[in-house]
Amino acid sequence: MKIRNIDRALLTGLFVGIMIFISEYFFPDTNSFISIFIGALAALIGYLIAVKILPKEND
């Protein structure tokens, strides 16, 4: 595993954490399935953002 993959994973996790915090802060009474869906969608979007910010290095 290259260090760049760890950077992408950390950035994605940070994005998911921020999105879950914002959704729970503004909508505390949401259903658990909706919270899981928001987390999964945030993980996908966070990964796509991380790929754009941290492009893969060619050796």
N, C-alpha and C. Protein backbone atom coordinates (compact mmCIF):
# COMPACT_ATOMS: atom_id res chain seq x y z
N MET A 1 0.85 -1.17 0.00
CA MET A 1 0.00 0.00 0.00
C MET A 1 0.89 1.23 0.00
N LYS A 2 0.63 2.12 -0.91
CA LYS A 2 1.43 3.32 -1.01
C LYS A 2 0.91 4.38 -0.06
N ILE A 3 1.75 5.32 0.25
CA ILE A 3 1.38 6.38 1.18
C ILE A 3 0.24 7.24 0.61
N ARG A 4 0.15 7.35 -0.70
CA ARG A 4 -0.89 8.17 -1.31
C ARG A 4 -2.27 7.56 -1.04
N ASN A 5 -2.38 6.23 -0.97
CA ASN A 5 -3.66 5.60 -0.65
C ASN A 5 -4.09 5.91 0.77
N ILE A 6 -3.13 5.98 1.68
CA ILE A 6 -3.45 6.32 3.06
C ILE A 6 -3.94 7.76 3.14
N ASP A 7 -3.32 8.65 2.39
CA ASP A 7 -3.77 10.04 2.36
C ASP A 7 -5.20 10.15 1.85
N ARG A 8 -5.51 9.41 0.80
CA ARG A 8 -6.88 9.44 0.29
C ARG A 8 -7.88 8.89 1.30
N ALA A 9 -7.51 7.83 1.98
CA ALA A 9 -8.40 7.24 2.98
C ALA A 9 -8.64 8.20 4.14
N LEU A 10 -7.59 8.88 4.58
CA LEU A 10 -7.76 9.84 5.68
C LEU A 10 -8.62 11.02 5.26
N LEU A 11 -8.43 11.51 4.05
CA LEU A 11 -9.24 12.63 3.57
C LEU A 11 -10.70 12.21 3.41
N THR A 12 -10.93 11.00 2.93
CA THR A 12 -12.29 10.50 2.79
C THR A 12 -12.95 10.34 4.16
N GLY A 13 -12.23 9.79 5.11
CA GLY A 13 -12.76 9.62 6.46
C GLY A 13 -13.08 10.95 7.13
N LEU A 14 -12.23 11.92 6.91
CA LEU A 14 -12.48 13.26 7.45
C LEU A 14 -13.75 13.86 6.85
N PHE A 15 -13.91 13.70 5.53
CA PHE A 15 -15.11 14.22 4.86
C PHE A 15 -16.37 13.53 5.37
N VAL A 16 -16.31 12.21 5.55
CA VAL A 16 -17.47 11.47 6.06
C VAL A 16 -17.80 11.91 7.47
N GLY A 17 -16.79 12.08 8.31
CA GLY A 17 -17.02 12.53 9.68
C GLY A 17 -17.67 13.89 9.74
N ILE A 18 -17.21 14.80 8.91
CA ILE A 18 -17.79 16.15 8.88
C ILE A 18 -19.24 16.10 8.41
N MET A 19 -19.51 15.31 7.37
CA MET A 19 -20.88 15.23 6.84
C MET A 19 -21.83 14.57 7.85
N ILE A 20 -21.39 13.53 8.55
CA ILE A 20 -22.23 12.89 9.56
C ILE A 20 -22.49 13.86 10.71
N PHE A 21 -21.45 14.59 11.13
CA PHE A 21 -21.63 15.56 12.20
C PHE A 21 -22.63 16.64 11.80
N ILE A 22 -22.52 17.17 10.60
CA ILE A 22 -23.45 18.22 10.14
C ILE A 22 -24.87 17.67 10.05
N SER A 23 -25.04 16.46 9.50
CA SER A 23 -26.39 15.91 9.37
C SER A 23 -27.01 15.61 10.73
N GLU A 24 -26.23 15.12 11.68
CA GLU A 24 -26.77 14.85 13.01
C GLU A 24 -27.01 16.13 13.81
N TYR A 25 -26.24 17.16 13.54
CA TYR A 25 -26.43 18.42 14.25
C TYR A 25 -27.71 19.12 13.79
N PHE A 26 -27.94 19.16 12.47
CA PHE A 26 -29.10 19.87 11.95
C PHE A 26 -30.37 19.02 11.95
N PHE A 27 -30.23 17.70 11.81
CA PHE A 27 -31.38 16.79 11.78
C PHE A 27 -31.15 15.66 12.77
N PRO A 28 -31.32 15.91 14.07
CA PRO A 28 -31.00 14.87 15.07
C PRO A 28 -31.98 13.70 15.11
N ASP A 29 -33.17 13.86 14.58
CA ASP A 29 -34.19 12.81 14.67
C ASP A 29 -34.35 12.02 13.38
N THR A 30 -33.27 11.88 12.60
CA THR A 30 -33.38 11.14 11.35
C THR A 30 -33.35 9.64 11.60
N ASN A 31 -33.92 8.92 10.67
CA ASN A 31 -33.95 7.47 10.73
C ASN A 31 -32.52 6.92 10.55
N SER A 32 -32.24 5.76 11.14
CA SER A 32 -30.88 5.22 11.06
C SER A 32 -30.52 4.82 9.63
N PHE A 33 -31.50 4.37 8.83
CA PHE A 33 -31.22 4.02 7.45
C PHE A 33 -30.82 5.25 6.63
N ILE A 34 -31.44 6.36 6.93
CA ILE A 34 -31.08 7.61 6.24
C ILE A 34 -29.68 8.05 6.65
N SER A 35 -29.32 7.88 7.91
CA SER A 35 -27.98 8.22 8.36
C SER A 35 -26.93 7.34 7.70
N ILE A 36 -27.23 6.05 7.56
CA ILE A 36 -26.31 5.14 6.87
C ILE A 36 -26.18 5.53 5.41
N PHE A 37 -27.28 5.88 4.77
CA PHE A 37 -27.24 6.31 3.37
C PHE A 37 -26.42 7.58 3.21
N ILE A 38 -26.59 8.52 4.13
CA ILE A 38 -25.80 9.76 4.08
C ILE A 38 -24.32 9.45 4.25
N GLY A 39 -23.98 8.54 5.15
CA GLY A 39 -22.58 8.16 5.35
C GLY A 39 -21.99 7.48 4.13
N ALA A 40 -22.74 6.60 3.50
CA ALA A 40 -22.25 5.91 2.29
C ALA A 40 -22.08 6.89 1.13
N LEU A 41 -23.04 7.78 0.98
CA LEU A 41 -22.95 8.78 -0.08
C LEU A 41 -21.79 9.74 0.18
N ALA A 42 -21.58 10.11 1.42
CA ALA A 42 -20.46 10.98 1.77
C ALA A 42 -19.13 10.28 1.52
N ALA A 43 -19.07 8.96 1.74
CA ALA A 43 -17.84 8.21 1.48
C ALA A 43 -17.52 8.19 -0.02
N LEU A 44 -18.54 8.01 -0.84
CA LEU A 44 -18.33 8.02 -2.28
C LEU A 44 -17.89 9.39 -2.76
N ILE A 45 -18.57 10.43 -2.32
CA ILE A 45 -18.21 11.79 -2.72
C ILE A 45 -16.85 12.17 -2.18
N GLY A 46 -16.56 11.80 -0.94
CA GLY A 46 -15.26 12.09 -0.34
C GLY A 46 -14.12 11.42 -1.08
N TYR A 47 -14.33 10.17 -1.53
CA TYR A 47 -13.31 9.48 -2.30
C TYR A 47 -13.08 10.17 -3.63
N LEU A 48 -14.15 10.59 -4.29
CA LEU A 48 -14.00 11.27 -5.58
C LEU A 48 -13.27 12.60 -5.41
N ILE A 49 -13.55 13.31 -4.33
CA ILE A 49 -12.84 14.56 -4.05
C ILE A 49 -11.37 14.29 -3.76
N ALA A 50 -11.09 13.23 -3.00
CA ALA A 50 -9.71 12.88 -2.66
C ALA A 50 -8.92 12.49 -3.90
N VAL A 51 -9.56 11.81 -4.85
CA VAL A 51 -8.86 11.44 -6.09
C VAL A 51 -8.52 12.70 -6.89
N LYS A 52 -9.41 13.68 -6.89
CA LYS A 52 -9.13 14.92 -7.63
C LYS A 52 -8.04 15.75 -6.95
N ILE A 53 -8.06 15.79 -5.62
CA ILE A 53 -7.08 16.61 -4.89
C ILE A 53 -5.70 15.93 -4.88
N LEU A 54 -5.69 14.62 -4.67
CA LEU A 54 -4.43 13.87 -4.56
C LEU A 54 -4.32 12.90 -5.72
N PRO A 55 -3.85 13.36 -6.89
CA PRO A 55 -3.77 12.44 -8.04
C PRO A 55 -2.71 11.37 -7.82
N LYS A 56 -2.87 10.26 -8.52
CA LYS A 56 -1.93 9.15 -8.39
C LYS A 56 -0.59 9.51 -9.03
N GLU A 57 0.49 9.20 -8.31
CA GLU A 57 1.83 9.51 -8.82
C GLU A 57 2.30 8.36 -9.71
N ASN A 58 2.89 8.72 -10.82
CA ASN A 58 3.47 7.71 -11.71
C ASN A 58 4.92 7.49 -11.33
N ASP A 59 5.32 6.22 -11.22
CA ASP A 59 6.70 5.92 -10.84
C ASP A 59 7.61 5.95 -12.04
